[in-house]
C-alpha atoms as a PDB file:
ATOM      1  CA  MET A   1     -68.510   1.621 -55.894  1.00  0.00           C
ATOM      2  CA  ASP A   2     -71.761   0.035 -54.790  1.00  0.00           C
ATOM      3  CA  ASP A   3     -71.219  -3.681 -55.576  1.00  0.00           C
ATOM      4  CA  LEU A   4     -71.604  -4.804 -51.960  1.00  0.00           C
ATOM      5  CA  HIS A   5     -74.300  -2.267 -51.271  1.00  0.00           C
ATOM      6  CA  ALA A   6     -76.368  -3.332 -54.276  1.00  0.00           C
ATOM      7  CA  SER A   7     -76.197  -6.961 -53.193  1.00  0.00           C
ATOM      8  CA  LEU A   8     -77.442  -6.392 -49.641  1.00  0.00           C
ATOM      9  CA  PRO A   9     -80.582  -8.479 -49.073  1.00  0.00           C
ATOM     10  CA  ARG A  10     -83.876  -6.632 -48.821  1.00  0.00           C
ATOM     11  CA  ASP A  11     -85.959  -9.661 -47.870  1.00  0.00           C
ATOM     12  CA  ARG A  12     -84.064 -10.953 -44.833  1.00  0.00           C
ATOM     13  CA  PHE A  13     -82.225  -9.598 -41.814  1.00  0.00           C
ATOM     14  CA  LEU A  14     -78.577 -10.614 -41.614  1.00  0.00           C
ATOM     15  CA  PRO A  15     -77.597 -11.725 -38.084  1.00  0.00           C
ATOM     16  CA  LEU A  16     -75.202  -9.385 -36.334  1.00  0.00           C
ATOM     17  CA  PRO A  17     -71.636 -10.723 -36.347  1.00  0.00           C
ATOM     18  CA  ASP A  18     -69.969 -11.944 -33.179  1.00  0.00           C
ATOM     19  CA  HIS A  19     -67.418  -9.688 -31.495  1.00  0.00           C
ATOM     20  CA  ASP A  20     -64.361 -10.671 -29.450  1.00  0.00           C
ATOM     21  CA  GLY A  21     -65.529 -14.275 -29.310  1.00  0.00           C
ATOM     22  CA  GLN A  22     -68.896 -13.300 -27.836  1.00  0.00           C
ATOM     23  CA  SER A  23     -72.097 -14.202 -29.643  1.00  0.00           C
ATOM     24  CA  SER A  24     -74.365 -11.442 -30.911  1.00  0.00           C
ATOM     25  CA  ALA A  25     -77.329 -13.793 -31.288  1.00  0.00           C
ATOM     26  CA  ASN A  26     -79.073 -12.500 -28.165  1.00  0.00           C
ATOM     27  CA  ARG A  27     -78.478  -8.807 -28.774  1.00  0.00           C
ATOM     28  CA  CYS A  28     -81.864  -7.136 -29.060  1.00  0.00           C
ATOM     29  CA  THR A  29     -82.774  -3.973 -30.940  1.00  0.00           C
ATOM     30  CA  GLY A  30     -85.435  -1.325 -30.672  1.00  0.00           C
ATOM     31  CA  VAL A  31     -86.955   0.241 -33.783  1.00  0.00           C
ATOM     32  CA  GLU A  32     -88.422   3.714 -34.302  1.00  0.00           C
ATOM     33  CA  VAL A  33     -90.237   4.564 -37.544  1.00  0.00           C
ATOM     34  CA  GLU A  34     -91.644   7.958 -38.575  1.00  0.00           C
ATOM     35  CA  PHE A  35     -94.318   8.529 -41.222  1.00  0.00           C
ATOM     36  CA  ALA A  36     -97.238  10.718 -42.279  1.00  0.00           C
ATOM     37  CA  GLY A  37    -100.669   9.921 -43.684  1.00  0.00           C
ATOM     38  CA  LEU A  38    -102.194   8.275 -40.594  1.00  0.00           C
ATOM     39  CA  THR A  39    -103.251   9.512 -37.184  1.00  0.00           C
ATOM     40  CA  PRO A  40    -101.694   7.997 -34.078  1.00  0.00           C
ATOM     41  CA  GLU A  41    -105.033   6.290 -33.414  1.00  0.00           C
ATOM     42  CA  GLN A  42    -105.114   4.684 -36.858  1.00  0.00           C
ATOM     43  CA  ALA A  43    -101.512   3.528 -36.559  1.00  0.00           C
ATOM     44  CA  ALA A  44    -102.056   2.111 -33.065  1.00  0.00           C
ATOM     45  CA  ASP A  45    -105.100   0.177 -34.256  1.00  0.00           C
ATOM     46  CA  ILE A  46    -103.030  -1.432 -37.019  1.00  0.00           C
ATOM     47  CA  VAL A  47    -100.198  -2.380 -34.663  1.00  0.00           C
ATOM     48  CA  SER A  48    -102.702  -3.791 -32.168  1.00  0.00           C
ATOM     49  CA  HIS A  49    -104.440  -5.804 -34.879  1.00  0.00           C
ATOM     50  CA  GLU A  50    -101.115  -7.328 -35.980  1.00  0.00           C
ATOM     51  CA  TRP A  51     -99.475  -7.861 -32.596  1.00  0.00           C
ATOM     52  CA  GLY A  52    -102.331  -7.892 -30.125  1.00  0.00           C
ATOM     53  CA  GLY A  53    -102.413  -5.909 -26.914  1.00  0.00           C
ATOM     54  CA  THR A  54    -104.420  -3.124 -25.344  1.00  0.00           C
ATOM     55  CA  ILE A  55    -104.237   0.529 -26.379  1.00  0.00           C
ATOM     56  CA  THR A  56    -104.246   3.223 -23.706  1.00  0.00           C
ATOM     57  CA  ARG A  57    -103.750   6.968 -23.994  1.00  0.00           C
ATOM     58  CA  ASP A  58    -100.635   8.607 -22.576  1.00  0.00           C
ATOM     59  CA  GLY A  59    -101.301  12.327 -22.866  1.00  0.00           C
ATOM     60  CA  PRO A  60    -103.196  14.227 -25.567  1.00  0.00           C
ATOM     61  CA  ARG A  61    -101.297  12.868 -28.584  1.00  0.00           C
ATOM     62  CA  ASP A  62     -99.584   9.674 -27.495  1.00  0.00           C
ATOM     63  CA  LEU A  63    -100.800   6.093 -27.263  1.00  0.00           C
ATOM     64  CA  VAL A  64     -99.259   3.034 -25.643  1.00  0.00           C
ATOM     65  CA  LEU A  65     -99.842  -0.579 -26.621  1.00  0.00           C
ATOM     66  CA  THR A  66     -99.231  -3.132 -23.865  1.00  0.00           C
ATOM     67  CA  GLY A  67     -99.786  -6.855 -23.505  1.00  0.00           C
ATOM     68  CA  GLY A  68     -99.020  -7.674 -27.139  1.00  0.00           C
ATOM     69  CA  ARG A  69     -96.539 -10.106 -28.646  1.00  0.00           C
ATOM     70  CA  PHE A  70     -93.573  -7.750 -28.453  1.00  0.00           C
ATOM     71  CA  GLY A  71     -93.988  -5.803 -25.244  1.00  0.00           C
ATOM     72  CA  LYS A  72     -94.624  -2.106 -24.937  1.00  0.00           C
ATOM     73  CA  VAL A  73     -95.093  -0.136 -28.163  1.00  0.00           C
ATOM     74  CA  LYS A  74     -95.506   3.638 -28.239  1.00  0.00           C
ATOM     75  CA  VAL A  75     -97.350   5.470 -31.014  1.00  0.00           C
ATOM     76  CA  GLU A  76     -96.949   9.219 -30.828  1.00  0.00           C
ATOM     77  CA  LEU A  77     -96.638  12.489 -32.668  1.00  0.00           C
ATOM     78  CA  ASP A  78     -92.917  13.167 -32.805  1.00  0.00           C
ATOM     79  CA  ILE A  79     -92.880  16.707 -31.469  1.00  0.00           C
ATOM     80  CA  THR A  80     -91.329  17.850 -28.208  1.00  0.00           C
ATOM     81  CA  LEU A  81     -91.449  21.482 -27.130  1.00  0.00           C
ATOM     82  CA  LYS A  82     -91.248  23.166 -23.751  1.00  0.00           C
ATOM     83  CA  ASN A  83     -94.986  23.642 -23.244  1.00  0.00           C
ATOM     84  CA  ALA A  84     -97.867  21.304 -24.056  1.00  0.00           C
ATOM     85  CA  TRP A  85     -99.996  24.112 -25.504  1.00  0.00           C
ATOM     86  CA  VAL A  86     -97.147  25.114 -27.824  1.00  0.00           C
ATOM     87  CA  GLU A  87     -96.857  21.485 -28.965  1.00  0.00           C
ATOM     88  CA  ASP A  88    -100.604  21.409 -29.679  1.00  0.00           C
ATOM     89  CA  MET A  89    -100.449  24.623 -31.691  1.00  0.00           C
ATOM     90  CA  ALA A  90     -97.371  23.515 -33.629  1.00  0.00           C
ATOM     91  CA  ALA A  91     -98.904  20.124 -34.416  1.00  0.00           C
ATOM     92  CA  ASP A  92    -102.086  21.802 -35.706  1.00  0.00           C
ATOM     93  CA  ILE A  93    -100.177  24.287 -37.853  1.00  0.00           C
ATOM     94  CA  LEU A  94     -97.592  21.896 -39.252  1.00  0.00           C
ATOM     95  CA  GLY A  95     -99.990  19.029 -39.914  1.00  0.00           C
ATOM     96  CA  ASP A  96     -98.339  16.148 -41.786  1.00  0.00           C
ATOM     97  CA  LEU A  97     -94.898  17.697 -41.344  1.00  0.00           C
ATOM     98  CA  VAL A  98     -95.048  16.407 -37.767  1.00  0.00           C
ATOM     99  CA  PRO A  99     -94.660  12.648 -38.197  1.00  0.00           C
ATOM    100  CA  VAL A 100     -96.369   9.862 -36.349  1.00  0.00           C
ATOM    101  CA  GLU A 101     -93.758   7.610 -34.776  1.00  0.00           C
ATOM    102  CA  VAL A 102     -94.010   3.953 -33.795  1.00  0.00           C
ATOM    103  CA  VAL A 103     -91.452   3.008 -31.144  1.00  0.00           C
ATOM    104  CA  THR A 104     -90.934  -0.630 -30.191  1.00  0.00           C
ATOM    105  CA  ALA A 105     -89.431  -2.141 -27.088  1.00  0.00           C
ATOM    106  CA  PRO A 106     -86.130  -4.014 -27.582  1.00  0.00           C
ATOM    107  CA  MET A 107     -86.840  -7.033 -29.781  1.00  0.00           C
ATOM    108  CA  ALA A 108     -84.965 -10.190 -30.671  1.00  0.00           C
ATOM    109  CA  GLN A 109     -83.296 -10.039 -34.072  1.00  0.00           C
ATOM    110  CA  SER A 110     -85.446 -12.998 -35.099  1.00  0.00           C
ATOM    111  CA  ASP A 111     -88.563 -10.872 -34.473  1.00  0.00           C
ATOM    112  CA  LEU A 112     -87.580  -8.039 -36.809  1.00  0.00           C
ATOM    113  CA  PRO A 113     -89.584  -9.522 -39.730  1.00  0.00           C
ATOM    114  CA  ALA A 114     -92.693  -8.823 -37.639  1.00  0.00           C
ATOM    115  CA  VAL A 115     -91.827  -5.119 -37.719  1.00  0.00           C
ATOM    116  CA  GLU A 116     -91.456  -5.368 -41.483  1.00  0.00           C
ATOM    117  CA  GLY A 117     -94.955  -6.845 -41.597  1.00  0.00           C
ATOM    118  CA  VAL A 118     -96.446  -4.013 -39.540  1.00  0.00           C
ATOM    119  CA  LEU A 119     -94.767  -1.416 -41.746  1.00  0.00           C
ATOM    120  CA  ALA A 120     -96.338  -3.057 -44.799  1.00  0.00           C
ATOM    121  CA  LYS A 121     -99.769  -2.855 -43.164  1.00  0.00           C
ATOM    122  CA  LEU A 122     -99.229   0.796 -42.264  1.00  0.00           C
ATOM    123  CA  ALA A 123     -98.251   1.555 -45.864  1.00  0.00           C
ATOM    124  CA  GLU A 124    -101.322  -0.270 -47.170  1.00  0.00           C
ATOM    125  CA  ALA A 125    -103.446   1.950 -44.930  1.00  0.00           C
ATOM    126  CA  GLY A 126    -101.874   5.133 -46.314  1.00  0.00           C
ATOM    127  CA  ALA A 127     -98.690   5.771 -44.327  1.00  0.00           C
ATOM    128  CA  LYS A 128     -96.225   7.900 -46.297  1.00  0.00           C
ATOM    129  CA  GLY A 129     -92.464   7.962 -46.037  1.00  0.00           C
ATOM    130  CA  SER A 130     -89.880  10.694 -46.314  1.00  0.00           C
ATOM    131  CA  ARG A 131     -89.868  11.014 -50.105  1.00  0.00           C
ATOM    132  CA  ALA A 132     -93.651  11.308 -50.517  1.00  0.00           C
ATOM    133  CA  GLN A 133     -93.372  15.102 -50.218  1.00  0.00           C
ATOM    134  CA  LEU A 134     -90.400  17.403 -50.593  1.00  0.00           C
ATOM    135  CA  ALA A 135     -90.810  18.890 -47.109  1.00  0.00           C
ATOM    136  CA  TYR A 136     -90.994  15.555 -45.291  1.00  0.00           C
ATOM    137  CA  SER A 137     -87.960  14.540 -43.265  1.00  0.00           C
ATOM    138  CA  PHE A 138     -88.784  11.167 -41.721  1.00  0.00           C
ATOM    139  CA  GLY A 139     -86.344   8.665 -40.337  1.00  0.00           C
ATOM    140  CA  VAL A 140     -85.984   5.128 -39.088  1.00  0.00           C
ATOM    141  CA  HIS A 141     -83.901   4.714 -35.951  1.00  0.00           C
ATOM    142  CA  LEU A 142     -82.329   1.378 -35.093  1.00  0.00           C
ATOM    143  CA  ASN A 143     -81.186   0.841 -31.519  1.00  0.00           C
ATOM    144  CA  PRO A 144     -79.084  -2.340 -31.476  1.00  0.00           C
ATOM    145  CA  GLU A 145     -77.901  -3.445 -28.067  1.00  0.00           C
ATOM    146  CA  ARG A 146     -74.175  -2.949 -27.597  1.00  0.00           C
ATOM    147  CA  PRO A 147     -71.829  -5.941 -27.423  1.00  0.00           C
ATOM    148  CA  GLN A 148     -70.533  -6.838 -23.975  1.00  0.00           C
ATOM    149  CA  SER A 149     -66.951  -5.989 -24.903  1.00  0.00           C
ATOM    150  CA  ASP A 150     -65.919  -2.332 -24.638  1.00  0.00           C
ATOM    151  CA  ARG A 151     -63.309  -3.033 -27.292  1.00  0.00           C
ATOM    152  CA  ALA A 152     -66.082  -4.132 -29.656  1.00  0.00           C
ATOM    153  CA  VAL A 153     -68.051  -0.948 -28.975  1.00  0.00           C
ATOM    154  CA  ILE A 154     -65.013   1.136 -29.874  1.00  0.00           C
ATOM    155  CA  ALA A 155     -64.438  -0.953 -33.009  1.00  0.00           C
ATOM    156  CA  ILE A 156     -68.031  -0.355 -34.128  1.00  0.00           C
ATOM    157  CA  ALA A 157     -67.653   3.391 -33.586  1.00  0.00           C
ATOM    158  CA  ARG A 158     -64.423   3.352 -35.603  1.00  0.00           C
ATOM    159  CA  ALA A 159     -66.004   1.323 -38.394  1.00  0.00           C
ATOM    160  CA  TYR A 160     -68.958   3.689 -38.648  1.00  0.00           C
ATOM    161  CA  ALA A 161     -66.648   6.698 -38.763  1.00  0.00           C
ATOM    162  CA  LEU A 162     -64.698   5.181 -41.651  1.00  0.00           C
ATOM    163  CA  LEU A 163     -67.787   3.954 -43.535  1.00  0.00           C
ATOM    164  CA  GLU A 164     -70.152   6.893 -43.087  1.00  0.00           C
ATOM    165  CA  ASP A 165     -69.189   8.596 -46.358  1.00  0.00           C
ATOM    166  CA  TRP A 166     -69.752   5.299 -48.175  1.00  0.00           C
ATOM    167  CA  LEU A 167     -73.146   4.762 -46.536  1.00  0.00           C
ATOM    168  CA  ARG A 168     -74.279   8.253 -47.503  1.00  0.00           C
ATOM    169  CA  ALA A 169     -72.942   8.086 -51.052  1.00  0.00           C
ATOM    170  CA  ALA A 170     -74.357   4.623 -51.771  1.00  0.00           C
ATOM    171  CA  ASP A 171     -77.895   5.765 -50.917  1.00  0.00           C
ATOM    172  CA  PRO A 172     -78.131   9.563 -50.623  1.00  0.00           C
ATOM    173  CA  LEU A 173     -80.600  11.108 -48.218  1.00  0.00           C
ATOM    174  CA  ASP A 174     -83.535  13.047 -49.604  1.00  0.00           C
ATOM    175  CA  PRO A 175     -83.051  16.853 -49.753  1.00  0.00           C
ATOM    176  CA  ALA A 176     -85.143  17.640 -46.680  1.00  0.00           C
ATOM    177  CA  ARG A 177     -83.178  15.270 -44.458  1.00  0.00           C
ATOM    178  CA  ARG A 178     -79.874  16.581 -45.796  1.00  0.00           C
ATOM    179  CA  VAL A 179     -80.672  20.163 -44.806  1.00  0.00           C
ATOM    180  CA  MET A 180     -82.338  19.412 -41.466  1.00  0.00           C
ATOM    181  CA  PRO A 181     -79.933  19.235 -38.504  1.00  0.00           C
ATOM    182  CA  PHE A 182     -80.967  15.761 -37.350  1.00  0.00           C
ATOM    183  CA  VAL A 183     -78.555  13.366 -39.092  1.00  0.00           C
ATOM    184  CA  ASP A 184     -75.378  15.355 -39.613  1.00  0.00           C
ATOM    185  CA  PRO A 185     -72.160  13.547 -40.602  1.00  0.00           C
ATOM    186  CA  TRP A 186     -69.636  13.050 -37.857  1.00  0.00           C
ATOM    187  CA  PRO A 187     -67.063  15.874 -37.850  1.00  0.00           C
ATOM    188  CA  ARG A 188     -63.824  15.100 -39.640  1.00  0.00           C
ATOM    189  CA  ALA A 189     -61.933  15.757 -36.409  1.00  0.00           C
ATOM    190  CA  LEU A 190     -63.803  12.889 -34.750  1.00  0.00           C
ATOM    191  CA  VAL A 191     -63.110  10.572 -37.693  1.00  0.00           C
ATOM    192  CA  ASP A 192     -59.431  11.509 -37.517  1.00  0.00           C
ATOM    193  CA  ALA A 193     -59.371  10.724 -33.805  1.00  0.00           C
ATOM    194  CA  LEU A 194     -61.132   7.390 -34.263  1.00  0.00           C
ATOM    195  CA  ALA A 195     -58.834   6.367 -37.105  1.00  0.00           C
ATOM    196  CA  GLY A 196     -56.010   6.520 -34.586  1.00  0.00           C
ATOM    197  CA  ALA A 197     -57.991   5.036 -31.707  1.00  0.00           C
ATOM    198  CA  GLU A 198     -56.332   1.618 -31.542  1.00  0.00           C
ATOM    199  CA  GLY A 199     -56.042   0.684 -27.873  1.00  0.00           C
ATOM    200  CA  TRP A 200     -58.576   3.205 -26.610  1.00  0.00           C
ATOM    201  CA  ALA A 201     -60.707   2.611 -23.527  1.00  0.00           C
ATOM    202  CA  LEU A 202     -64.396   3.468 -23.586  1.00  0.00           C
ATOM    203  CA  THR A 203     -63.652   6.571 -21.529  1.00  0.00           C
ATOM    204  CA  ASP A 204     -61.358   7.753 -24.330  1.00  0.00           C
ATOM    205  CA  LEU A 205     -64.236   7.373 -26.764  1.00  0.00           C
ATOM    206  CA  GLY A 206     -66.514   9.299 -24.415  1.00  0.00           C
ATOM    207  CA  ARG A 207     -64.095  12.202 -24.090  1.00  0.00           C
ATOM    208  CA  ALA A 208     -63.465  12.366 -27.846  1.00  0.00           C
ATOM    209  CA  TYR A 209     -67.174  12.253 -28.623  1.00  0.00           C
ATOM    210  CA  ALA A 210     -67.946  14.971 -26.069  1.00  0.00           C
ATOM    211  CA  GLN A 211     -65.222  17.151 -27.564  1.00  0.00           C
ATOM    212  CA  HIS A 212     -66.047  16.729 -31.247  1.00  0.00           C
ATOM    213  CA  ALA A 213     -69.737  15.720 -31.448  1.00  0.00           C
ATOM    214  CA  PRO A 214     -71.621  16.837 -28.309  1.00  0.00           C
ATOM    215  CA  SER A 215     -75.063  16.417 -29.866  1.00  0.00           C
ATOM    216  CA  ARG A 216     -77.720  13.794 -30.559  1.00  0.00           C
ATOM    217  CA  SER A 217     -78.175  15.020 -34.124  1.00  0.00           C
ATOM    218  CA  TYR A 218     -75.805  12.729 -35.993  1.00  0.00           C
ATOM    219  CA  GLY A 219     -76.331   9.725 -38.224  1.00  0.00           C
ATOM    220  CA  LEU A 220     -75.008   7.636 -35.343  1.00  0.00           C
ATOM    221  CA  ASP A 221     -75.727   9.068 -31.893  1.00  0.00           C
ATOM    222  CA  LEU A 222     -73.461   7.572 -29.235  1.00  0.00           C
ATOM    223  CA  LEU A 223     -74.659   9.733 -26.348  1.00  0.00           C
ATOM    224  CA  PRO A 224     -77.164   7.209 -24.897  1.00  0.00           C
ATOM    225  CA  LEU A 225     -74.542   4.449 -24.889  1.00  0.00           C
ATOM    226  CA  LEU A 226     -71.851   6.687 -23.412  1.00  0.00           C
ATOM    227  CA  GLN A 227     -74.212   8.159 -20.832  1.00  0.00           C
ATOM    228  CA  ASP A 228     -74.947   4.610 -19.706  1.00  0.00           C
ATOM    229  CA  ALA A 229     -71.336   3.413 -19.704  1.00  0.00           C
ATOM    230  CA  CYS A 230     -69.202   6.411 -18.745  1.00  0.00           C
ATOM    231  CA  PRO A 231     -71.372   9.436 -17.897  1.00  0.00           C
ATOM    232  CA  ASP A 232     -68.516  11.366 -16.296  1.00  0.00           C
ATOM    233  CA  THR A 233     -66.904  11.833 -19.719  1.00  0.00           C
ATOM    234  CA  LEU A 234     -69.939  13.824 -20.934  1.00  0.00           C
ATOM    235  CA  ALA A 235     -69.807  16.654 -18.403  1.00  0.00           C
ATOM    236  CA  ASP A 236     -69.419  19.280 -21.144  1.00  0.00           C
ATOM    237  CA  VAL A 237     -72.290  18.007 -23.320  1.00  0.00           C
ATOM    238  CA  PRO A 238     -75.346  20.327 -23.260  1.00  0.00           C
ATOM    239  CA  PRO A 239     -77.910  18.824 -20.846  1.00  0.00           C
ATOM    240  CA  ASP A 240     -80.733  18.955 -23.410  1.00  0.00           C
ATOM    241  CA  HIS A 241     -78.833  16.399 -25.502  1.00  0.00           C
ATOM    242  CA  LEU A 242     -78.573  13.921 -22.639  1.00  0.00           C
ATOM    243  CA  LYS A 243     -81.911  12.127 -22.613  1.00  0.00           C
ATOM    244  CA  GLY A 244     -80.860   9.200 -20.436  1.00  0.00           C
ATOM    245  CA  GLY A 245     -78.406   6.385 -20.824  1.00  0.00           C
ATOM    246  CA  ARG A 246     -79.105   2.984 -22.291  1.00  0.00           C
ATOM    247  CA  PRO A 247     -76.739   0.247 -23.496  1.00  0.00           C
ATOM    248  CA  THR A 248     -77.566   0.660 -27.177  1.00  0.00           C
ATOM    249  CA  PHE A 249     -76.347   2.386 -30.285  1.00  0.00           C
ATOM    250  CA  HIS A 250     -78.745   4.990 -31.680  1.00  0.00           C
ATOM    251  CA  TYR A 251     -78.439   4.677 -35.460  1.00  0.00           C
ATOM    252  CA  ARG A 252     -80.430   7.585 -36.897  1.00  0.00           C
ATOM    253  CA  LEU A 253     -79.193   7.695 -40.492  1.00  0.00           C
ATOM    254  CA  PRO A 254     -81.822   5.443 -42.172  1.00  0.00           C
ATOM    255  CA  GLU A 255     -84.657   7.088 -44.039  1.00  0.00           C
ATOM    256  CA  SER A 256     -88.297   6.084 -43.659  1.00  0.00           C
ATOM    257  CA  ARG A 257     -89.523   4.929 -47.068  1.00  0.00           C
ATOM    258  CA  LEU A 258     -92.132   2.442 -45.934  1.00  0.00           C
ATOM    259  CA  ASP A 259     -94.432   3.354 -48.837  1.00  0.00           C
ATOM    260  CA  GLU A 260     -91.828   2.503 -51.514  1.00  0.00           C
ATOM    261  CA  ALA A 261     -91.922  -0.985 -53.005  1.00  0.00           C
ATOM    262  CA  ASP A 262     -88.144  -1.403 -53.295  1.00  0.00           C
ATOM    263  CA  TRP A 263     -87.407  -0.326 -49.706  1.00  0.00           C
ATOM    264  CA  SER A 264     -87.408  -2.498 -46.617  1.00  0.00           C
ATOM    265  CA  LEU A 265     -86.414  -2.345 -42.987  1.00  0.00           C
ATOM    266  CA  ALA A 266     -84.171  -5.339 -43.661  1.00  0.00           C
ATOM    267  CA  TYR A 267     -82.238  -3.263 -46.197  1.00  0.00           C
ATOM    268  CA  GLU A 268     -81.521  -0.573 -43.603  1.00  0.00           C
ATOM    269  CA  TRP A 269     -80.628  -3.177 -40.977  1.00  0.00           C
ATOM    270  CA  ASN A 270     -78.210  -4.811 -43.383  1.00  0.00           C
ATOM    271  CA  ARG A 271     -76.481  -1.489 -44.025  1.00  0.00           C
ATOM    272  CA  TRP A 272     -75.795  -1.383 -40.286  1.00  0.00           C
ATOM    273  CA  TRP A 273     -74.651  -5.006 -40.504  1.00  0.00           C
ATOM    274  CA  VAL A 274     -71.839  -3.876 -42.836  1.00  0.00           C
ATOM    275  CA  VAL A 275     -70.607  -1.514 -40.118  1.00  0.00           C
ATOM    276  CA  GLU A 276     -70.531  -4.305 -37.550  1.00  0.00           C
ATOM    277  CA  LYS A 277     -68.989  -6.730 -40.042  1.00  0.00           C
ATOM    278  CA  VAL A 278     -66.059  -4.381 -40.594  1.00  0.00           C
ATOM    279  CA  ALA A 279     -65.761  -3.784 -36.844  1.00  0.00           C
ATOM    280  CA  ALA A 280     -65.537  -7.537 -36.243  1.00  0.00           C
ATOM    281  CA  ASP A 281     -62.669  -7.900 -38.744  1.00  0.00           C
ATOM    282  CA  ALA A 282     -59.620  -6.424 -37.001  1.00  0.00           C
ATOM    283  CA  ASP A 283     -57.448  -6.575 -40.115  1.00  0.00           C
ATOM    284  CA  MET A 284     -59.976  -4.811 -42.326  1.00  0.00           C
ATOM    285  CA  LEU A 285     -60.636  -2.159 -39.697  1.00  0.00           C
ATOM    286  CA  ALA A 286     -56.917  -1.496 -39.271  1.00  0.00           C
ATOM    287  CA  ALA A 287     -56.442  -1.273 -43.036  1.00  0.00           C
ATOM    288  CA  LEU A 288     -59.291   1.219 -43.395  1.00  0.00           C
ATOM    289  CA  ALA A 289     -57.888   3.308 -40.550  1.00  0.00           C
ATOM    290  CA  GLN A 290     -54.485   3.407 -42.241  1.00  0.00           C
ATOM    291  CA  ASP A 291     -56.165   4.255 -45.548  1.00  0.00           C
ATOM    292  CA  TRP A 292     -57.983   7.167 -43.909  1.00  0.00           C
ATOM    293  CA  GLN A 293     -54.801   8.550 -42.388  1.00  0.00           C
ATOM    294  CA  ALA A 294     -53.027   8.350 -45.747  1.00  0.00           C
ATOM    295  CA  TYR A 295     -56.011   9.935 -47.480  1.00  0.00           C
ATOM    296  CA  ARG A 296     -56.059  12.832 -45.020  1.00  0.00           C
ATOM    297  CA  ALA A 297     -52.301  13.332 -45.283  1.00  0.00           C
ATOM    298  CA  ALA A 298     -52.351  13.571 -49.080  1.00  0.00           C
ATOM    299  CA  LEU A 299     -52.637  17.008 -50.672  1.00  0.00           C
ATOM    300  CA  THR A 300     -54.550  16.184 -53.837  1.00  0.00           C
ATOM    301  CA  THR A 301     -57.203  13.629 -52.888  1.00  0.00           C
ATOM    302  CA  THR A 302     -60.940  14.052 -53.481  1.00  0.00           C
ATOM    303  CA  ARG A 303     -63.963  12.588 -51.719  1.00  0.00           C
ATOM    304  CA  GLY A 304     -64.269  10.131 -54.592  1.00  0.00           C
ATOM    305  CA  ASP A 305     -60.783   8.844 -53.867  1.00  0.00           C
ATOM    306  CA  TRP A 306     -61.856   7.858 -50.354  1.00  0.00           C
ATOM    307  CA  LEU A 307     -64.997   6.150 -51.596  1.00  0.00           C
ATOM    308  CA  ASP A 308     -62.885   4.137 -54.035  1.00  0.00           C
ATOM    309  CA  ARG A 309     -60.626   2.982 -51.198  1.00  0.00           C
ATOM    310  CA  VAL A 310     -63.597   1.902 -49.105  1.00  0.00           C
ATOM    311  CA  HIS A 311     -65.066   0.039 -52.061  1.00  0.00           C
ATOM    312  CA  ASP A 312     -61.812  -1.841 -52.592  1.00  0.00           C
ATOM    313  CA  ARG A 313     -61.663  -2.905 -48.933  1.00  0.00           C
ATOM    314  CA  LEU A 314     -65.294  -4.025 -48.837  1.00  0.00           C
ATOM    315  CA  GLU A 315     -64.909  -6.278 -51.873  1.00  0.00           C
ATOM    316  CA  SER A 316     -63.734  -9.100 -49.619  1.00  0.00           C
ATOM    317  CA  ILE A 317     -66.956  -9.153 -47.557  1.00  0.00           C
ATOM    318  CA  THR A 318     -69.230 -12.097 -48.285  1.00  0.00           C
ATOM    319  CA  LEU A 319     -72.918 -12.122 -47.449  1.00  0.00           C
END
């Protein structure tokens, strides 16, 4: 079932496909990478050495790099609690279980190899990814800018819904990330709704998402995009999950494995590329949606049956 997946390049970033006749060449993306093994100060020094810029402190645990090649970069301990003193205590007690996180500004797709280079330097200095210890649960978040077309945004959401099982089965998450409530699968009710979402407006997507998945803690978090585009549809979403709108997807599924020789950021980017490739192919997307509806209507199907159907559809994709 993993022929396409196994052939995804790990040494180059595939360019995002065009949508609705509009080029994706200028769509930027932000990157967030979590890891252990280094302090924020050590990580910031490495990023500054590679990209230039000046490091300043932003609170007791966070650093900001400005004036470098790729704009503002934040290096921080990824812990947010209600009180600063509670954060300090938790960080001291939990130690390496609280990851350091490097957060870039939106970057051109052509600049993503520079992030790959920084991750290699961090790993050389001792940064550890999610599978270095059983209790680690570290992710990579990709924040690709949305296409201009609302129809394309809806198509990408539909494609992800129909491909999520395949993405998870082709490269399973480590045990800690599976049990932690940060990258849950989209509810089946949302997938069902999206399978029948031909002709939806973005407000329809917002209402469906608010009804079925009113949380940030999914493999693909659409709340920032929807809060930017149609905030009125999210009135029933808990306020603590609305962190501000921005015109980007928030793809949280990838795992941070920067210390593993056979892993790369390009590999994770190219898994997202498959989602957008399917979204850009109206015939393939429609066929997958029909397949899903037939699969859900059948009485004797298994999860493996769905994965087989996805595999058959993806065979026509060329890299």
